[in-house]
Amino acid sequence: MNKLFNLKASLVVATMLALPAPQAATMTKTDYKADKAACAALAGNAKDICVEEAQAKQKVARAELQYGYTNTSSDRTKMLVAKAESAYAVAKEKCDDNAGNVKDVCVEEAKAVETKALADAKLGKEIGEARTDAAADKREADYKVAAEKCDALSGDAKASCLTNAKAMFGKV
């Protein structure tokens, strides 16, 4: 059951990664300052929301840029986490316009959305780890086949064959 789920999840992620992704939007320091300057005309919580949105935009842009540059699963996870945390920070700030139970519900809803997004990011990380484990399992299986082939030999030829197999498959 678990292997089947991992296989299905891997296929879903592989399909998503194979689709053309939009280029990471770059945000210069000037853009960030302009966004923050636009907030100066506002007051109260509207200003706080505006500033939080500018900071979130910058944080996400940096994470997307890093992921676009490296294209690693680690940076993809970091990008997804940055998006989740940024969305939560903005949503939480927007909740400040409310009071009492309405505010509490708003904050809990924002937290629930963040928790779900972080779980999705973690799922992607686990799939990446599963791929690493699968690659190690495949390498181990290939090594066992090579070692078994060496058993047909004897003496120095067998020792040399085993040494080459160990070197080829990362056995020390």
Protein backbone atom coordinates (compact mmCIF):
# COMPACT_ATOMS: atom_id res chain seq x y z
CA MET A 1 0.00 0.00 0.00
CA ASN A 2 2.72 2.46 1.03
CA LYS A 3 4.92 1.62 -1.97
CA LEU A 4 1.94 1.99 -4.28
CA PHE A 5 1.12 5.38 -2.73
CA ASN A 6 4.78 6.46 -3.07
CA LEU A 7 4.79 5.38 -6.69
CA LYS A 8 1.59 7.30 -7.45
CA ALA A 9 2.83 10.36 -5.58
CA SER A 10 6.14 10.18 -7.42
CA LEU A 11 4.35 10.03 -10.75
CA VAL A 12 2.21 13.04 -9.85
CA VAL A 13 5.25 15.07 -8.82
CA ALA A 14 7.23 13.95 -11.86
CA THR A 15 4.36 15.02 -14.10
CA MET A 16 4.17 18.39 -12.39
CA LEU A 17 7.91 18.91 -12.69
CA ALA A 18 7.85 17.97 -16.36
CA LEU A 19 5.30 20.65 -17.16
CA PRO A 20 6.78 23.95 -18.28
CA ALA A 21 7.15 26.16 -15.25
CA PRO A 22 6.94 29.92 -15.51
CA GLN A 23 10.22 31.70 -15.06
CA ALA A 24 10.85 32.96 -11.56
CA ALA A 25 9.93 36.59 -11.28
CA THR A 26 12.83 38.71 -10.23
CA MET A 27 12.36 41.46 -7.74
CA THR A 28 15.03 44.06 -7.40
CA LYS A 29 15.75 46.04 -4.28
CA THR A 30 14.29 49.06 -6.08
CA ASP A 31 11.03 47.17 -6.69
CA TYR A 32 10.84 46.26 -3.02
CA LYS A 33 11.49 49.85 -1.94
CA ALA A 34 8.83 51.06 -4.37
CA ASP A 35 6.33 48.59 -2.94
CA LYS A 36 7.11 49.72 0.59
CA ALA A 37 6.98 53.40 -0.42
CA ALA A 38 3.49 52.85 -1.82
CA CYS A 39 2.48 51.79 1.68
CA ALA A 40 3.53 55.13 3.17
CA ALA A 41 0.32 56.81 2.05
CA LEU A 42 -1.74 54.29 3.99
CA ALA A 43 -2.45 54.26 7.71
CA GLY A 44 -3.25 51.77 10.46
CA ASN A 45 -3.73 48.13 9.62
CA ALA A 46 -3.99 48.86 5.88
CA LYS A 47 -0.39 50.07 6.03
CA ASP A 48 0.67 47.01 8.02
CA ILE A 49 -0.98 44.73 5.45
CA CYS A 50 0.70 46.59 2.61
CA VAL A 51 4.15 46.28 4.22
CA GLU A 52 3.58 42.58 4.97
CA GLU A 53 2.57 41.99 1.34
CA ALA A 54 5.73 43.75 0.10
CA GLN A 55 7.91 41.64 2.39
CA ALA A 56 6.09 38.47 1.37
CA LYS A 57 6.49 39.32 -2.31
CA GLN A 58 10.22 39.81 -1.84
CA LYS A 59 10.68 36.61 0.18
CA VAL A 60 8.80 34.51 -2.38
CA ALA A 61 10.63 36.12 -5.32
CA ARG A 62 13.99 35.27 -3.73
CA ALA A 63 12.95 31.67 -3.12
CA GLU A 64 11.60 31.31 -6.68
CA LEU A 65 14.78 32.80 -8.09
CA GLN A 66 16.94 30.39 -6.09
CA TYR A 67 14.83 27.43 -7.18
CA GLY A 68 14.91 28.61 -10.79
CA TYR A 69 18.69 28.79 -10.58
CA THR A 70 19.40 25.44 -8.90
CA ASN A 71 16.27 23.44 -9.76
CA THR A 72 16.89 21.19 -6.75
CA SER A 73 14.20 19.51 -4.68
CA SER A 74 15.61 21.20 -1.58
CA ASP A 75 15.16 24.67 -3.06
CA ARG A 76 11.73 23.70 -4.37
CA THR A 77 10.75 22.79 -0.83
CA LYS A 78 12.19 26.08 0.45
CA MET A 79 10.18 27.96 -2.18
CA LEU A 80 6.95 26.21 -1.19
CA VAL A 81 7.65 26.91 2.48
CA ALA A 82 8.35 30.58 1.71
CA LYS A 83 5.05 30.83 -0.16
CA ALA A 84 3.13 29.17 2.69
CA GLU A 85 4.72 31.29 5.40
CA SER A 86 4.31 34.50 3.42
CA ALA A 87 0.66 33.81 2.67
CA TYR A 88 0.08 33.08 6.35
CA ALA A 89 1.79 36.28 7.49
CA VAL A 90 -0.34 38.39 5.13
CA ALA A 91 -3.57 36.57 6.03
CA LYS A 92 -2.83 36.90 9.73
CA GLU A 93 -2.23 40.64 9.32
CA LYS A 94 -5.54 40.96 7.49
CA CYS A 95 -7.25 39.28 10.45
CA ASP A 96 -6.26 42.23 12.62
CA ASP A 97 -9.14 44.18 11.06
CA ASN A 98 -11.52 41.89 12.97
CA ALA A 99 -12.11 41.48 16.68
CA GLY A 100 -13.14 38.76 19.11
CA ASN A 101 -14.22 35.39 17.81
CA VAL A 102 -14.27 36.56 14.19
CA LYS A 103 -10.57 37.41 14.48
CA ASP A 104 -9.82 34.09 16.19
CA VAL A 105 -11.60 32.16 13.42
CA CYS A 106 -9.77 34.20 10.78
CA VAL A 107 -6.38 33.42 12.35
CA GLU A 108 -7.23 29.70 12.67
CA GLU A 109 -8.30 29.57 9.02
CA ALA A 110 -5.06 31.24 7.97
CA LYS A 111 -3.07 28.80 10.11
CA ALA A 112 -4.95 25.84 8.61
CA VAL A 113 -4.10 26.98 5.08
CA GLU A 114 -0.45 27.39 6.07
CA THR A 115 -0.37 23.95 7.72
CA LYS A 116 -1.80 22.33 4.59
CA ALA A 117 0.71 24.14 2.35
CA LEU A 118 3.61 23.14 4.60
CA ALA A 119 2.38 19.53 4.57
CA ASP A 120 2.34 19.61 0.76
CA ALA A 121 5.89 20.99 0.78
CA LYS A 122 6.94 18.22 3.15
CA LEU A 123 5.29 15.63 0.92
CA GLY A 124 7.41 16.87 -1.97
CA LYS A 125 10.50 16.59 0.23
CA GLU A 126 9.60 13.03 1.24
CA ILE A 127 9.12 12.06 -2.39
CA GLY A 128 12.59 13.42 -3.13
CA GLU A 129 13.99 11.37 -0.26
CA ALA A 130 12.13 8.32 -1.55
CA ARG A 131 13.80 8.80 -4.93
CA THR A 132 17.18 8.93 -3.23
CA ASP A 133 16.37 5.74 -1.33
CA ALA A 134 15.18 4.08 -4.53
CA ALA A 135 18.40 5.03 -6.30
CA ALA A 136 20.42 3.54 -3.43
CA ASP A 137 18.34 0.34 -3.59
CA LYS A 138 18.91 0.08 -7.34
CA ARG A 139 22.65 0.63 -6.89
CA GLU A 140 22.73 -2.08 -4.19
CA ALA A 141 20.87 -4.50 -6.46
CA ASP A 142 23.26 -3.80 -9.34
CA TYR A 143 26.22 -4.35 -7.02
CA LYS A 144 24.82 -7.72 -5.91
CA VAL A 145 24.46 -8.77 -9.56
CA ALA A 146 28.04 -7.70 -10.32
CA ALA A 147 29.35 -9.48 -7.20
CA GLU A 148 27.45 -12.61 -8.17
CA LYS A 149 29.05 -12.51 -11.62
CA CYS A 150 32.45 -12.29 -9.93
CA ASP A 151 31.72 -15.52 -8.04
CA ALA A 152 32.13 -17.41 -11.32
CA LEU A 153 35.80 -16.37 -11.32
CA SER A 154 38.57 -17.50 -9.00
CA GLY A 155 41.81 -16.20 -7.54
CA ASP A 156 43.14 -12.80 -8.57
CA ALA A 157 40.54 -12.40 -11.30
CA LYS A 158 37.75 -12.76 -8.72
CA ALA A 159 39.43 -10.31 -6.32
CA SER A 160 39.96 -7.81 -9.13
CA CYS A 161 36.37 -8.22 -10.30
CA LEU A 162 35.04 -7.60 -6.76
CA THR A 163 37.28 -4.54 -6.35
CA ASN A 164 36.01 -3.10 -9.63
CA ALA A 165 32.39 -3.82 -8.67
CA LYS A 166 32.85 -2.14 -5.30
CA ALA A 167 34.39 0.90 -6.94
CA MET A 168 31.69 1.06 -9.59
CA PHE A 169 28.81 0.91 -7.11
CA GLY A 170 30.24 3.02 -4.31
CA LYS A 171 31.19 0.26 -1.89
CA VAL A 172 34.30 0.92 0.11
